Amino acid sequence: MIDDEIRKKREELNKSIEENRDYDYIYKISTELDELIAKYYKEEDKKEEQDTAKVC
């Protein structure tokens, strides 16, 4: 699930920072993490809308 992808990407980002990896690499991983988080929130919004529609 997307939760697992976010967790793995966060671990990858933290490891790359700890290892003092190249800035461009860290930025790339950070951007990928941001995209996953945005995707997560979009999916949560859809679920919430569907739940609201079921109640009405």
Foldseek 3Di string as FASTA:
>chain_A
DLVVVLVVLVVVLVVCVVVVHDPVVSVVSVVVSVVSVVVVVVVVVVVVVVVVVVVD
